Structure formats: C-alpha cells, structure tokens
Protein backbone atom coordinates (compact mmCIF):
# COMPACT_ATOMS: atom_id res chain seq x y z
CA MET A 1 62.58 198.06 37.35
CA SER A 2 61.12 201.38 37.85
CA GLN A 3 63.20 204.26 36.97
CA SER A 4 63.38 208.06 37.45
CA GLN A 5 61.47 209.73 34.27
CA ALA A 6 64.47 211.93 33.90
CA ASN A 7 65.91 210.75 30.50
CA SER A 8 67.84 213.70 29.89
CA VAL A 9 70.87 215.16 31.58
CA CYS A 10 70.14 217.06 34.63
CA PRO A 11 71.96 220.50 34.56
CA ILE A 12 73.77 221.27 37.98
CA SER A 13 75.03 224.83 38.77
CA LEU A 14 77.08 226.02 41.63
CA LYS A 15 78.21 229.63 41.82
CA GLY A 16 80.85 230.65 44.42
CA VAL A 17 79.52 228.35 46.77
CA SER A 18 81.15 228.67 50.36
CA LEU A 19 80.12 226.89 53.66
CA SER A 20 81.27 227.92 57.21
CA ILE A 21 80.18 226.17 60.28
CA GLY A 22 81.24 228.20 63.23
CA ASP A 23 84.83 229.15 62.82
CA SER A 24 85.45 226.42 60.21
CA SER A 25 85.56 226.99 56.46
CA VAL A 26 84.10 223.79 55.05
CA LEU A 27 83.61 224.68 51.39
CA ARG A 28 85.34 227.73 49.67
CA ASN A 29 84.22 229.47 46.55
CA ILE A 30 83.19 226.22 44.55
CA SER A 31 81.71 227.06 41.13
CA ILE A 32 80.54 224.09 38.87
CA GLU A 33 78.63 223.93 35.77
CA ALA A 34 77.81 220.29 34.88
CA ASN A 35 76.03 218.46 32.42
CA GLU A 36 77.13 214.98 32.45
CA LYS A 37 75.18 211.80 33.40
CA ARG A 38 77.68 210.40 35.63
CA ILE A 39 79.92 212.52 38.01
CA GLY A 40 82.39 211.08 40.66
CA VAL A 41 83.66 213.20 43.44
CA VAL A 42 86.89 212.26 45.41
CA GLY A 43 88.82 213.73 48.13
CA ARG A 44 90.41 212.78 51.59
CA ASN A 45 88.55 212.38 54.85
CA GLY A 46 87.31 215.99 56.00
CA SER A 47 87.91 217.45 52.54
CA GLY A 48 84.32 218.71 52.38
CA LYS A 49 82.69 216.07 50.13
CA SER A 50 79.74 215.07 52.24
CA SER A 51 79.19 218.72 53.16
CA LEU A 52 79.22 219.38 49.30
CA ALA A 53 76.65 216.70 48.81
CA ARG A 54 74.19 218.16 51.41
CA VAL A 55 74.59 221.57 49.80
CA LEU A 56 73.94 220.03 46.45
CA CYS A 57 70.74 218.78 47.97
CA GLY A 58 69.73 221.70 49.83
CA LEU A 59 69.81 220.29 53.05
CA VAL A 60 72.46 222.63 54.04
CA GLU A 61 72.23 226.40 53.19
CA PRO A 62 75.71 227.56 51.97
CA THR A 63 77.03 230.70 53.47
CA GLU A 64 77.80 232.13 50.35
CA GLY A 65 76.71 231.51 46.69
CA GLU A 66 73.93 229.80 44.62
CA VAL A 67 73.02 226.16 43.91
CA THR A 68 70.50 225.08 41.37
CA VAL A 69 69.63 221.60 40.08
CA ASN A 70 67.82 221.35 36.85
CA GLY A 71 66.89 225.03 37.22
CA VAL A 72 65.64 224.65 40.86
CA ASP A 73 66.74 226.62 43.70
CA VAL A 74 67.53 223.76 46.11
CA VAL A 75 67.67 226.05 49.28
CA ASN A 76 64.67 228.41 48.69
CA ASP A 77 62.22 226.13 46.74
CA ARG A 78 62.27 223.12 48.77
CA VAL A 79 58.87 221.78 47.39
CA ASN A 80 60.42 221.43 44.03
CA ALA A 81 63.80 220.60 45.32
CA ILE A 82 62.76 217.29 47.12
CA GLN A 83 61.27 216.13 43.72
CA THR A 84 64.33 216.90 41.87
CA VAL A 85 67.30 215.96 43.85
CA ALA A 86 67.83 212.94 46.56
CA LEU A 87 70.53 212.09 48.90
CA LEU A 88 71.38 208.22 49.36
CA PHE A 89 73.34 208.51 52.54
CA GLN A 90 76.37 206.44 53.56
CA ASN A 91 74.48 204.93 56.64
CA PRO A 92 71.16 203.88 55.82
CA ASP A 93 70.31 204.28 59.40
CA HIS A 94 70.58 208.08 59.20
CA GLN A 95 67.86 207.97 56.26
CA ILE A 96 65.30 205.50 57.55
CA LEU A 97 62.69 206.94 59.73
CA PHE A 98 59.89 204.33 60.24
CA PRO A 99 59.95 200.96 61.52
CA SER A 100 58.31 198.89 58.71
CA VAL A 101 59.46 198.89 55.03
CA GLU A 102 56.09 199.72 53.72
CA GLU A 103 55.94 202.89 55.99
CA GLU A 104 59.40 204.11 54.84
CA LEU A 105 58.68 203.87 51.30
CA SER A 106 55.29 205.40 51.52
CA PHE A 107 56.14 208.40 53.51
CA GLY A 108 57.63 210.72 50.97
CA LEU A 109 54.79 210.04 48.58
CA GLU A 110 52.36 211.01 51.29
CA GLN A 111 54.40 214.27 51.96
CA LEU A 112 53.92 214.96 48.22
CA GLY A 113 50.39 214.75 48.48
CA MET A 114 49.57 211.16 47.51
CA ASN A 115 46.83 209.55 49.47
CA ARG A 116 47.98 206.72 51.72
CA SER A 117 46.22 203.96 49.53
CA ASP A 118 48.10 205.07 46.34
CA ALA A 119 51.25 205.50 48.11
CA ARG A 120 51.08 202.06 49.80
CA ASN A 121 50.09 200.42 46.21
CA ALA A 122 53.26 202.41 44.52
CA SER A 123 55.30 201.20 47.43
CA HIS A 124 54.41 197.43 46.66
CA THR A 125 55.13 198.05 42.90
CA MET A 126 58.60 199.14 43.67
CA LEU A 127 59.05 196.34 45.90
CA ALA A 128 57.93 193.95 43.24
CA ASP A 129 60.29 195.58 40.63
CA PHE A 130 63.14 194.47 42.94
CA ASN A 131 61.75 191.09 43.67
CA CYS A 132 61.38 192.16 47.35
CA GLU A 133 57.52 191.85 47.64
CA SER A 134 58.03 189.83 51.04
CA TRP A 135 59.68 192.87 52.70
CA ALA A 136 56.52 195.12 52.94
CA GLN A 137 55.50 194.33 56.31
CA LYS A 138 59.02 193.37 57.51
CA SER A 139 60.75 195.65 60.32
CA VAL A 140 63.54 197.47 58.84
CA SER A 141 65.48 196.35 61.85
CA VAL A 142 65.62 192.81 60.73
CA LEU A 143 67.08 193.77 57.35
CA SER A 144 70.84 193.43 56.86
CA GLN A 145 72.83 196.84 56.08
CA GLY A 146 72.76 196.06 52.08
CA GLN A 147 68.91 195.32 52.41
CA ARG A 148 68.45 198.70 54.25
CA HIS A 149 70.38 200.52 51.55
CA LEU A 150 68.16 198.92 49.01
CA VAL A 151 65.23 200.27 50.96
CA CYS A 152 66.73 203.61 50.89
CA LEU A 153 67.32 203.42 47.08
CA MET A 154 63.74 202.43 46.54
CA THR A 155 62.50 205.17 48.70
CA VAL A 156 64.61 207.63 46.61
CA LEU A 157 63.50 206.30 43.27
CA LEU A 158 59.69 206.58 44.23
CA MET A 159 60.30 210.35 44.60
CA ASN A 160 61.54 210.23 40.94
CA PRO A 161 64.29 212.60 41.11
CA SER A 162 66.24 214.05 38.30
CA LEU A 163 69.52 214.00 40.37
CA ILE A 164 70.64 211.17 42.92
CA VAL A 165 73.60 212.15 45.05
CA LEU A 166 75.51 209.00 46.48
CA ASP A 167 77.78 209.40 49.45
CA GLU A 168 79.87 206.28 49.96
CA PRO A 169 76.74 203.97 49.09
CA TYR A 170 79.27 200.77 49.43
CA ALA A 171 80.67 201.52 52.52
CA GLY A 172 80.67 198.51 54.88
CA LEU A 173 79.09 196.09 52.26
CA ASP A 174 80.29 192.83 51.30
CA ILE A 175 81.31 191.94 47.77
CA PRO A 176 77.93 190.35 46.59
CA THR A 177 75.87 193.06 47.92
CA THR A 178 77.98 196.00 46.54
CA ALA A 179 77.61 194.21 43.10
CA GLN A 180 73.77 193.97 43.45
CA LEU A 181 73.47 197.58 44.52
CA LYS A 182 76.02 198.85 41.74
CA ARG A 183 74.06 197.01 39.18
CA HIS A 184 70.75 198.79 40.28
CA LEU A 185 72.36 201.99 40.31
CA ASN A 186 73.97 201.75 36.92
CA SER A 187 70.62 200.94 35.42
CA LEU A 188 69.07 204.17 36.51
CA SER A 189 68.25 207.04 34.12
CA ALA A 190 68.56 209.75 36.69
CA THR A 191 71.79 211.99 36.62
CA ILE A 192 74.24 210.59 39.54
CA VAL A 193 76.87 212.33 41.41
CA HIS A 194 78.70 209.69 43.49
CA ILE A 195 81.15 210.44 46.29
CA SER A 196 83.54 207.69 46.61
CA HIS A 197 86.93 206.65 48.16
CA GLN A 198 86.98 203.58 45.62
CA VAL A 199 88.49 205.05 42.63
CA ASP A 200 87.63 201.84 40.58
CA MET A 201 83.93 202.52 41.21
CA LEU A 202 84.36 205.77 39.35
CA ALA A 203 86.56 204.89 36.47
CA ASP A 204 83.89 204.65 33.86
CA TYR A 205 82.14 207.88 34.87
CA ASP A 206 82.08 210.81 32.68
CA ARG A 207 83.75 213.56 34.88
CA ILE A 208 85.51 213.52 38.25
CA LEU A 209 85.70 216.23 40.85
CA TRP A 210 88.58 216.24 43.27
CA ILE A 211 87.58 218.29 46.49
CA ASP A 212 90.52 219.10 48.71
CA ALA A 213 90.41 221.22 51.81
CA GLY A 214 86.84 222.49 50.91
CA GLN A 215 88.12 223.59 47.53
CA LEU A 216 87.79 222.13 43.88
CA HIS A 217 91.36 221.13 43.56
CA MET A 218 91.06 219.17 40.12
CA ASP A 219 88.10 218.62 37.58
CA GLY A 220 88.22 216.68 34.55
CA HIS A 221 88.43 213.11 32.86
CA PRO A 222 88.39 210.12 35.04
CA GLN A 223 91.74 208.60 33.78
CA GLN A 224 93.40 211.91 34.40
CA VAL A 225 92.00 213.00 37.77
CA LEU A 226 91.78 209.58 39.30
CA THR A 227 95.32 208.68 38.35
CA THR A 228 96.73 211.73 39.82
CA PHE A 229 94.40 211.40 42.87
CA ALA A 230 95.48 207.82 43.62
CA GLN A 231 99.12 208.84 43.21
CA GLN A 232 99.03 211.58 45.55
CA MET A 233 97.10 209.52 48.21
CA ASN A 234 99.90 206.67 47.86
CA ASP A 235 102.48 209.23 48.24
CA ILE A 236 100.91 210.55 51.43
CA GLY A 237 100.45 207.03 52.69
CA GLU A 238 104.28 206.43 52.23
CA ARG A 239 105.12 209.27 54.69
CA ASP A 240 105.84 208.47 58.29
CA ALA A 241 103.29 211.28 59.57
CA LEU A 242 99.96 211.87 57.81
CA ILE A 243 99.18 215.40 56.94
C-alpha cells in the first residue's frame, strides 16, 4: 500500500492559540509542542476538539497565536500547508466534492499542478493498492459510508502529507469496516493526530491531549490521561443532570 513519504516524526507547534467565533471563546490559549508519532485527542462534545483540528490544518485562522506543522505556517503558507497536513473528516460527505471516485482522487493532485493524465494514473495506482480498482468509474453515491471514508483516506494519502488529522474517523461504521479502516490507518508512516470519544482506540498511542471548555486540561501518557478522562466521564454520567 502506498504510504506517506514522511518517515520521520512531524513536529507540531501551537503557541498561545485562541479562537473566538462571534462572542464565543472556542479555544483558549493552547500551547503544545509535539514530536510524537501518534497523538490522541479526547474531550466532551463541544469542548473544542474539532475546532482544534481545523486550526491545526489551517482551515480556520486562530484569533490569536501561531500554528506550525513541520515548520510550515499552516495559515499563511497554504501552498505548502496542503502538502504538509490533511484532515480526514468525521462525515465523508463533508469532504467529497466530485461525483465519481476517479475525479475525487485526482482533484487534489491536479490542484498541485499535476496534469490530468498523470493524476488519473496515480489515482488508479492508489485504488489498486487498496484492491479497489473497480471503483474508479463508480459514483461515490453508491458507496457505503465505510467505502466513502476509504475514498477520503486515499485522497488524503495521494497528497502525501506529513501529518494526518482524524476527526472521529470511525463514527457510524460497523465493526468490520472499523477494523479495516483502523488497519489501514495504523500502517501509515505519517504522523497521526486522532480525535475520538472511543478511548480504547487511543490506548496504544504515544500521547493524549484532553481538551475541556476550549483549554488543554491534561496532557500526558495514555494510561494516565485516558483513565482519568474515562473516570470523570463516568462520574458525570452518574449524575441526574448533565453539566
């Protein structure tokens, strides 16, 4: 299977990052220096996890602070940013733009300057790597959610990023599809930042970030952070009123 050429760790730096949307403070003064290969992010709904993912990819400009990935300013250097970091959305339909699989896979490469013929050839090679050659001319609309997730993953891999950010990539998938997608993701050489509510999916990661109310609440080894997080979430669930 084709993999990212990034065989070394991709350094991530967030310095004093805050994000406000209207009158709401979404992220608050987050500073992170990361050199780990696999980083998990946990937190309750509305805690700022997905906003952090979009800021990390340069899709949203922070109100304050700086974000660099592998030395690239992801907000101000978009040409290099789209070749450095990529986001795999929770809902593949929020990511897919084109009616056919071949068009979807080829688009990013063409945007980087590759001619259409070479982009289509690269797309077919990627499909072959995943044993999905028959998908090339298929309409994306006939694929299952898991298959559309895989199309999004292949699209990301064709861009050859140093960092891949996953925003709840297994949401809504059945057990076999989850296992297949997890196997593909675990085989990648790119650095991974993985946002998830499923703490078991992050247990073997190198580092866990716990985001709460837009702030970095806890940062450390998975055993410590995930155990504390799960206990607190269970405690909240035992209360009569959720807070």
